[in-house]
């Protein structure tokens, strides 16, 4: 439901580093980071934190809206 995509841009090209769900895991696990180059790992973790918070917040808003309708 809550998909996210992390990518880097260089020379007008995109390289997708991760595509998937970041809702359930507050921190990326070893499987999620195995293909992330070491030089991007800290940035990836910071972006993950932001994305995780964002999707949790959006999910909470969605659930609240759903409760009001029912």
PDB file of N, CA and C in Angstrom:
ATOM      1  N   UNK A   1       0.806  -1.193   0.000  1.00  0.00           N
ATOM      2  CA  UNK A   1       0.000   0.000   0.000  1.00  0.00           C
ATOM      3  C   UNK A   1       0.852   1.261   0.000  1.00  0.00           C
ATOM      4  N   UNK A   2       1.823   1.327   0.871  1.00  0.00           N
ATOM      5  CA  UNK A   2       2.658   2.519   0.977  1.00  0.00           C
ATOM      6  C   UNK A   2       4.032   2.223   0.389  1.00  0.00           C
ATOM      7  N   UNK A   3       4.159   2.415  -0.897  1.00  0.00           N
ATOM      8  CA  UNK A   3       5.410   2.152  -1.593  1.00  0.00           C
ATOM      9  C   UNK A   3       6.276   3.404  -1.619  1.00  0.00           C
ATOM     10  N   UNK A   4       7.568   3.203  -1.613  1.00  0.00           N
ATOM     11  CA  UNK A   4       8.484   4.324  -1.722  1.00  0.00           C
ATOM     12  C   UNK A   4       9.619   3.934  -2.666  1.00  0.00           C
ATOM     13  N   UNK A   5      10.293   4.946  -3.156  1.00  0.00           N
ATOM     14  CA  UNK A   5      11.398   4.712  -4.067  1.00  0.00           C
ATOM     15  C   UNK A   5      12.516   5.687  -3.711  1.00  0.00           C
ATOM     16  N   UNK A   6      13.705   5.148  -3.560  1.00  0.00           N
ATOM     17  CA  UNK A   6      14.891   5.958  -3.304  1.00  0.00           C
ATOM     18  C   UNK A   6      15.798   5.831  -4.516  1.00  0.00           C
ATOM     19  N   UNK A   7      16.250   6.956  -5.012  1.00  0.00           N
ATOM     20  CA  UNK A   7      17.120   6.924  -6.179  1.00  0.00           C
ATOM     21  C   UNK A   7      18.121   8.070  -6.113  1.00  0.00           C
ATOM     22  N   UNK A   8      19.165   7.933  -6.899  1.00  0.00           N
ATOM     23  CA  UNK A   8      20.128   9.008  -7.029  1.00  0.00           C
ATOM     24  C   UNK A   8      20.111   9.458  -8.488  1.00  0.00           C
ATOM     25  N   UNK A   9      20.414  10.716  -8.698  1.00  0.00           N
ATOM     26  CA  UNK A   9      20.501  11.269 -10.042  1.00  0.00           C
ATOM     27  C   UNK A   9      21.938  11.712 -10.283  1.00  0.00           C
ATOM     28  N   UNK A  10      22.450  11.367 -11.441  1.00  0.00           N
ATOM     29  CA  UNK A  10      23.762  11.847 -11.841  1.00  0.00           C
ATOM     30  C   UNK A  10      23.825  11.852 -13.364  1.00  0.00           C
ATOM     31  N   UNK A  11      24.433  12.880 -13.901  1.00  0.00           N
ATOM     32  CA  UNK A  11      24.554  13.021 -15.360  1.00  0.00           C
ATOM     33  C   UNK A  11      23.210  12.809 -16.051  1.00  0.00           C
ATOM     34  N   UNK A  12      22.161  13.436 -15.508  1.00  0.00           N
ATOM     35  CA  UNK A  12      20.808  13.334 -16.071  1.00  0.00           C
ATOM     36  C   UNK A  12      20.261  11.912 -16.133  1.00  0.00           C
ATOM     37  N   UNK A  13      20.761  11.031 -15.274  1.00  0.00           N
ATOM     38  CA  UNK A  13      20.277   9.651 -15.213  1.00  0.00           C
ATOM     39  C   UNK A  13      19.849   9.346 -13.778  1.00  0.00           C
ATOM     40  N   UNK A  14      18.936   8.416 -13.631  1.00  0.00           N
ATOM     41  CA  UNK A  14      18.486   7.966 -12.310  1.00  0.00           C
ATOM     42  C   UNK A  14      18.950   6.540 -12.077  1.00  0.00           C
ATOM     43  N   UNK A  15      19.380   6.287 -10.863  1.00  0.00           N
ATOM     44  CA  UNK A  15      19.678   4.917 -10.456  1.00  0.00           C
ATOM     45  C   UNK A  15      18.831   4.626  -9.228  1.00  0.00           C
ATOM     46  N   UNK A  16      17.911   3.679  -9.357  1.00  0.00           N
ATOM     47  CA  UNK A  16      17.037   3.314  -8.239  1.00  0.00           C
ATOM     48  C   UNK A  16      17.836   2.475  -7.254  1.00  0.00           C
ATOM     49  N   UNK A  17      17.886   2.939  -6.013  1.00  0.00           N
ATOM     50  CA  UNK A  17      18.600   2.217  -4.969  1.00  0.00           C
ATOM     51  C   UNK A  17      17.675   1.270  -4.214  1.00  0.00           C
ATOM     52  N   UNK A  18      16.420   1.678  -4.063  1.00  0.00           N
ATOM     53  CA  UNK A  18      15.448   0.856  -3.328  1.00  0.00           C
ATOM     54  C   UNK A  18      14.057   1.210  -3.801  1.00  0.00           C
ATOM     55  N   UNK A  19      13.243   0.197  -3.952  1.00  0.00           N
ATOM     56  CA  UNK A  19      11.846   0.395  -4.295  1.00  0.00           C
ATOM     57  C   UNK A  19      11.051  -0.625  -3.493  1.00  0.00           C
ATOM     58  N   UNK A  20      10.150  -0.148  -2.670  1.00  0.00           N
ATOM     59  CA  UNK A  20       9.374  -1.062  -1.843  1.00  0.00           C
ATOM     60  C   UNK A  20       8.669  -0.340  -0.722  1.00  0.00           C
ATOM     61  N   UNK A  21       8.439  -1.048   0.356  1.00  0.00           N
ATOM     62  CA  UNK A  21       7.661  -0.548   1.472  1.00  0.00           C
ATOM     63  C   UNK A  21       8.587  -0.138   2.607  1.00  0.00           C
ATOM     64  N   UNK A  22       8.348   1.019   3.177  1.00  0.00           N
ATOM     65  CA  UNK A  22       9.116   1.439   4.354  1.00  0.00           C
ATOM     66  C   UNK A  22       8.182   1.728   5.525  1.00  0.00           C
ATOM     67  N   UNK A  23       6.953   1.218   5.445  1.00  0.00           N
ATOM     68  CA  UNK A  23       5.973   1.477   6.501  1.00  0.00           C
ATOM     69  C   UNK A  23       6.262   0.672   7.762  1.00  0.00           C
ATOM     70  N   UNK A  24       6.525  -0.611   7.607  1.00  0.00           N
ATOM     71  CA  UNK A  24       6.605  -1.498   8.767  1.00  0.00           C
ATOM     72  C   UNK A  24       7.934  -1.406   9.514  1.00  0.00           C
ATOM     73  N   UNK A  25       8.993  -1.073   8.829  1.00  0.00           N
ATOM     74  CA  UNK A  25      10.312  -1.041   9.455  1.00  0.00           C
ATOM     75  C   UNK A  25      10.748   0.391   9.718  1.00  0.00           C
ATOM     76  N   UNK A  26      10.955   0.683  10.994  1.00  0.00           N
ATOM     77  CA  UNK A  26      11.405   2.025  11.347  1.00  0.00           C
ATOM     78  C   UNK A  26      12.809   2.287  10.806  1.00  0.00           C
ATOM     79  N   UNK A  27      13.612   1.250  10.738  1.00  0.00           N
ATOM     80  CA  UNK A  27      14.967   1.346  10.188  1.00  0.00           C
ATOM     81  C   UNK A  27      15.098   0.303   9.076  1.00  0.00           C
ATOM     82  N   UNK A  28      15.861   0.595   8.038  1.00  0.00           N
ATOM     83  CA  UNK A  28      16.049  -0.400   6.978  1.00  0.00           C
ATOM     84  C   UNK A  28      16.821  -1.604   7.512  1.00  0.00           C
ATOM     85  N   UNK A  29      16.469  -2.783   7.034  1.00  0.00           N
ATOM     86  CA  UNK A  29      17.181  -3.970   7.486  1.00  0.00           C
ATOM     87  C   UNK A  29      18.330  -4.283   6.527  1.00  0.00           C
ATOM     88  N   UNK A  30      19.083  -5.317   6.831  1.00  0.00           N
ATOM     89  CA  UNK A  30      20.237  -5.692   6.011  1.00  0.00           C
ATOM     90  C   UNK A  30      19.869  -5.991   4.574  1.00  0.00           C
ATOM     91  N   UNK A  31      18.712  -6.607   4.376  1.00  0.00           N
ATOM     92  CA  UNK A  31      18.257  -6.913   3.023  1.00  0.00           C
ATOM     93  C   UNK A  31      18.018  -5.635   2.239  1.00  0.00           C
ATOM     94  N   UNK A  32      17.447  -4.626   2.887  1.00  0.00           N
ATOM     95  CA  UNK A  32      17.137  -3.364   2.223  1.00  0.00           C
ATOM     96  C   UNK A  32      18.395  -2.594   1.826  1.00  0.00           C
ATOM     97  N   UNK A  33      19.454  -2.722   2.587  1.00  0.00           N
ATOM     98  CA  UNK A  33      20.648  -1.905   2.347  1.00  0.00           C
ATOM     99  C   UNK A  33      21.765  -2.644   1.620  1.00  0.00           C
ATOM    100  N   UNK A  34      21.573  -3.895   1.304  1.00  0.00           N
ATOM    101  CA  UNK A  34      22.679  -4.672   0.727  1.00  0.00           C
ATOM    102  C   UNK A  34      23.167  -4.133  -0.611  1.00  0.00           C
ATOM    103  N   UNK A  35      22.315  -3.456  -1.366  1.00  0.00           N
ATOM    104  CA  UNK A  35      22.718  -2.923  -2.665  1.00  0.00           C
ATOM    105  C   UNK A  35      23.019  -1.430  -2.638  1.00  0.00           C
ATOM    106  N   UNK A  36      23.006  -0.843  -1.460  1.00  0.00           N
ATOM    107  CA  UNK A  36      23.277   0.589  -1.336  1.00  0.00           C
ATOM    108  C   UNK A  36      24.788   0.788  -1.228  1.00  0.00           C
ATOM    109  N   UNK A  37      25.373   1.563  -2.132  1.00  0.00           N
ATOM    110  CA  UNK A  37      26.812   1.832  -2.013  1.00  0.00           C
ATOM    111  C   UNK A  37      27.122   2.500  -0.669  1.00  0.00           C
ATOM    112  N   UNK A  38      28.234   2.133  -0.089  1.00  0.00           N
ATOM    113  CA  UNK A  38      28.633   2.629   1.236  1.00  0.00           C
ATOM    114  C   UNK A  38      28.587   4.155   1.307  1.00  0.00           C
ATOM    115  N   UNK A  39      28.988   4.837   0.232  1.00  0.00           N
ATOM    116  CA  UNK A  39      29.025   6.303   0.275  1.00  0.00           C
ATOM    117  C   UNK A  39      27.639   6.929   0.351  1.00  0.00           C
ATOM    118  N   UNK A  40      26.581   6.167   0.044  1.00  0.00           N
ATOM    119  CA  UNK A  40      25.210   6.674   0.113  1.00  0.00           C
ATOM    120  C   UNK A  40      24.430   6.132   1.308  1.00  0.00           C
ATOM    121  N   UNK A  41      25.046   5.282   2.092  1.00  0.00           N
ATOM    122  CA  UNK A  41      24.322   4.582   3.161  1.00  0.00           C
ATOM    123  C   UNK A  41      23.725   5.530   4.200  1.00  0.00           C
ATOM    124  N   UNK A  42      24.483   6.487   4.680  1.00  0.00           N
ATOM    125  CA  UNK A  42      23.961   7.432   5.693  1.00  0.00           C
ATOM    126  C   UNK A  42      22.818   8.265   5.122  1.00  0.00           C
ATOM    127  N   UNK A  43      22.976   8.724   3.878  1.00  0.00           N
ATOM    128  CA  UNK A  43      21.909   9.491   3.236  1.00  0.00           C
ATOM    129  C   UNK A  43      20.665   8.629   3.056  1.00  0.00           C
ATOM    130  N   UNK A  44      20.869   7.378   2.681  1.00  0.00           N
ATOM    131  CA  UNK A  44      19.748   6.455   2.510  1.00  0.00           C
ATOM    132  C   UNK A  44      19.011   6.271   3.831  1.00  0.00           C
ATOM    133  N   UNK A  45      19.745   6.094   4.909  1.00  0.00           N
ATOM    134  CA  UNK A  45      19.118   5.912   6.222  1.00  0.00           C
ATOM    135  C   UNK A  45      18.341   7.159   6.642  1.00  0.00           C
ATOM    136  N   UNK A  46      18.883   8.338   6.365  1.00  0.00           N
ATOM    137  CA  UNK A  46      18.165   9.575   6.705  1.00  0.00           C
ATOM    138  C   UNK A  46      16.896   9.703   5.862  1.00  0.00           C
ATOM    139  N   UNK A  47      17.000   9.396   4.583  1.00  0.00           N
ATOM    140  CA  UNK A  47      15.821   9.454   3.714  1.00  0.00           C
ATOM    141  C   UNK A  47      14.785   8.424   4.146  1.00  0.00           C
ATOM    142  N   UNK A  48      15.238   7.251   4.569  1.00  0.00           N
ATOM    143  CA  UNK A  48      14.332   6.209   5.055  1.00  0.00           C
ATOM    144  C   UNK A  48      13.549   6.725   6.263  1.00  0.00           C
ATOM    145  N   UNK A  49      14.250   7.362   7.193  1.00  0.00           N
ATOM    146  CA  UNK A  49      13.583   7.903   8.386  1.00  0.00           C
ATOM    147  C   UNK A  49      12.465   8.869   8.003  1.00  0.00           C
ATOM    148  N   UNK A  50      12.747   9.763   7.066  1.00  0.00           N
ATOM    149  CA  UNK A  50      11.755  10.736   6.620  1.00  0.00           C
ATOM    150  C   UNK A  50      10.587  10.031   5.936  1.00  0.00           C
ATOM    151  N   UNK A  51      10.901   9.092   5.045  1.00  0.00           N
ATOM    152  CA  UNK A  51       9.853   8.372   4.313  1.00  0.00           C
ATOM    153  C   UNK A  51       8.995   7.539   5.257  1.00  0.00           C
ATOM    154  N   UNK A  52       9.624   6.875   6.211  1.00  0.00           N
ATOM    155  CA  UNK A  52       8.874   6.055   7.172  1.00  0.00           C
ATOM    156  C   UNK A  52       7.894   6.923   7.954  1.00  0.00           C
ATOM    157  N   UNK A  53       8.377   8.046   8.463  1.00  0.00           N
ATOM    158  CA  UNK A  53       7.501   8.935   9.221  1.00  0.00           C
ATOM    159  C   UNK A  53       6.357   9.438   8.343  1.00  0.00           C
ATOM    160  N   UNK A  54       6.672   9.781   7.110  1.00  0.00           N
ATOM    161  CA  UNK A  54       5.660  10.297   6.192  1.00  0.00           C
ATOM    162  C   UNK A  54       4.571   9.259   5.908  1.00  0.00           C
ATOM    163  N   UNK A  55       4.962   8.020   5.634  1.00  0.00           N
ATOM    164  CA  UNK A  55       3.942   7.018   5.320  1.00  0.00           C
ATOM    165  C   UNK A  55       3.138   6.621   6.562  1.00  0.00           C
ATOM    166  N   UNK A  56       3.771   6.616   7.721  1.00  0.00           N
ATOM    167  CA  UNK A  56       3.030   6.331   8.953  1.00  0.00           C
ATOM    168  C   UNK A  56       2.012   7.443   9.202  1.00  0.00           C
ATOM    169  N   UNK A  57       2.431   8.698   9.030  1.00  0.00           N
ATOM    170  CA  UNK A  57       1.509   9.826   9.211  1.00  0.00           C
ATOM    171  C   UNK A  57       0.346   9.753   8.223  1.00  0.00           C
ATOM    172  N   UNK A  58       0.644   9.471   6.961  1.00  0.00           N
ATOM    173  CA  UNK A  58      -0.403   9.360   5.944  1.00  0.00           C
ATOM    174  C   UNK A  58      -1.353   8.207   6.250  1.00  0.00           C
ATOM    175  N   UNK A  59      -0.810   7.100   6.705  1.00  0.00           N
ATOM    176  CA  UNK A  59      -1.650   5.962   7.061  1.00  0.00           C
ATOM    177  C   UNK A  59      -2.557   6.308   8.238  1.00  0.00           C
ATOM    178  N   UNK A  60      -2.022   6.999   9.217  1.00  0.00           N
ATOM    179  CA  UNK A  60      -2.833   7.402  10.367  1.00  0.00           C
ATOM    180  C   UNK A  60      -3.968   8.334   9.947  1.00  0.00           C
ATOM    181  N   UNK A  61      -3.671   9.278   9.047  1.00  0.00           N
ATOM    182  CA  UNK A  61      -4.713  10.174   8.540  1.00  0.00           C
ATOM    183  C   UNK A  61      -5.791   9.381   7.807  1.00  0.00           C
ATOM    184  N   UNK A  62      -5.360   8.431   7.002  1.00  0.00           N
ATOM    185  CA  UNK A  62      -6.287   7.595   6.249  1.00  0.00           C
ATOM    186  C   UNK A  62      -7.188   6.800   7.200  1.00  0.00           C
ATOM    187  N   UNK A  63      -6.598   6.221   8.241  1.00  0.00           N
ATOM    188  CA  UNK A  63      -7.378   5.438   9.205  1.00  0.00           C
ATOM    189  C   UNK A  63      -8.373   6.325   9.954  1.00  0.00           C
ATOM    190  N   UNK A  64      -7.964   7.525  10.328  1.00  0.00           N
ATOM    191  CA  UNK A  64      -8.862   8.441  11.013  1.00  0.00           C
ATOM    192  C   UNK A  64     -10.033   8.823  10.120  1.00  0.00           C
ATOM    193  N   UNK A  65      -9.747   9.092   8.871  1.00  0.00           N
ATOM    194  CA  UNK A  65     -10.789   9.423   7.901  1.00  0.00           C
ATOM    195  C   UNK A  65     -11.767   8.256   7.744  1.00  0.00           C
ATOM    196  N   UNK A  66     -11.214   7.055   7.668  1.00  0.00           N
ATOM    197  CA  UNK A  66     -12.036   5.850   7.517  1.00  0.00           C
ATOM    198  C   UNK A  66     -12.940   5.654   8.739  1.00  0.00           C
ATOM    199  N   UNK A  67     -12.410   5.898   9.924  1.00  0.00           N
ATOM    200  CA  UNK A  67     -13.202   5.744  11.158  1.00  0.00           C
ATOM    201  C   UNK A  67     -14.371   6.732  11.174  1.00  0.00           C
ATOM    202  N   UNK A  68     -14.144   7.944  10.696  1.00  0.00           N
ATOM    203  CA  UNK A  68     -15.188   8.959  10.689  1.00  0.00           C
ATOM    204  C   UNK A  68     -16.314   8.576   9.727  1.00  0.00           C
ATOM    205  N   UNK A  69     -15.976   7.933   8.643  1.00  0.00           N
ATOM    206  CA  UNK A  69     -16.972   7.522   7.646  1.00  0.00           C
ATOM    207  C   UNK A  69     -17.828   6.396   8.187  1.00  0.00           C
ATOM    208  N   UNK A  70     -17.232   5.501   8.949  1.00  0.00           N
ATOM    209  CA  UNK A  70     -17.963   4.348   9.478  1.00  0.00           C
ATOM    210  C   UNK A  70     -18.732   4.783  10.650  1.00  0.00           C
TER     211      UNK A  70
END
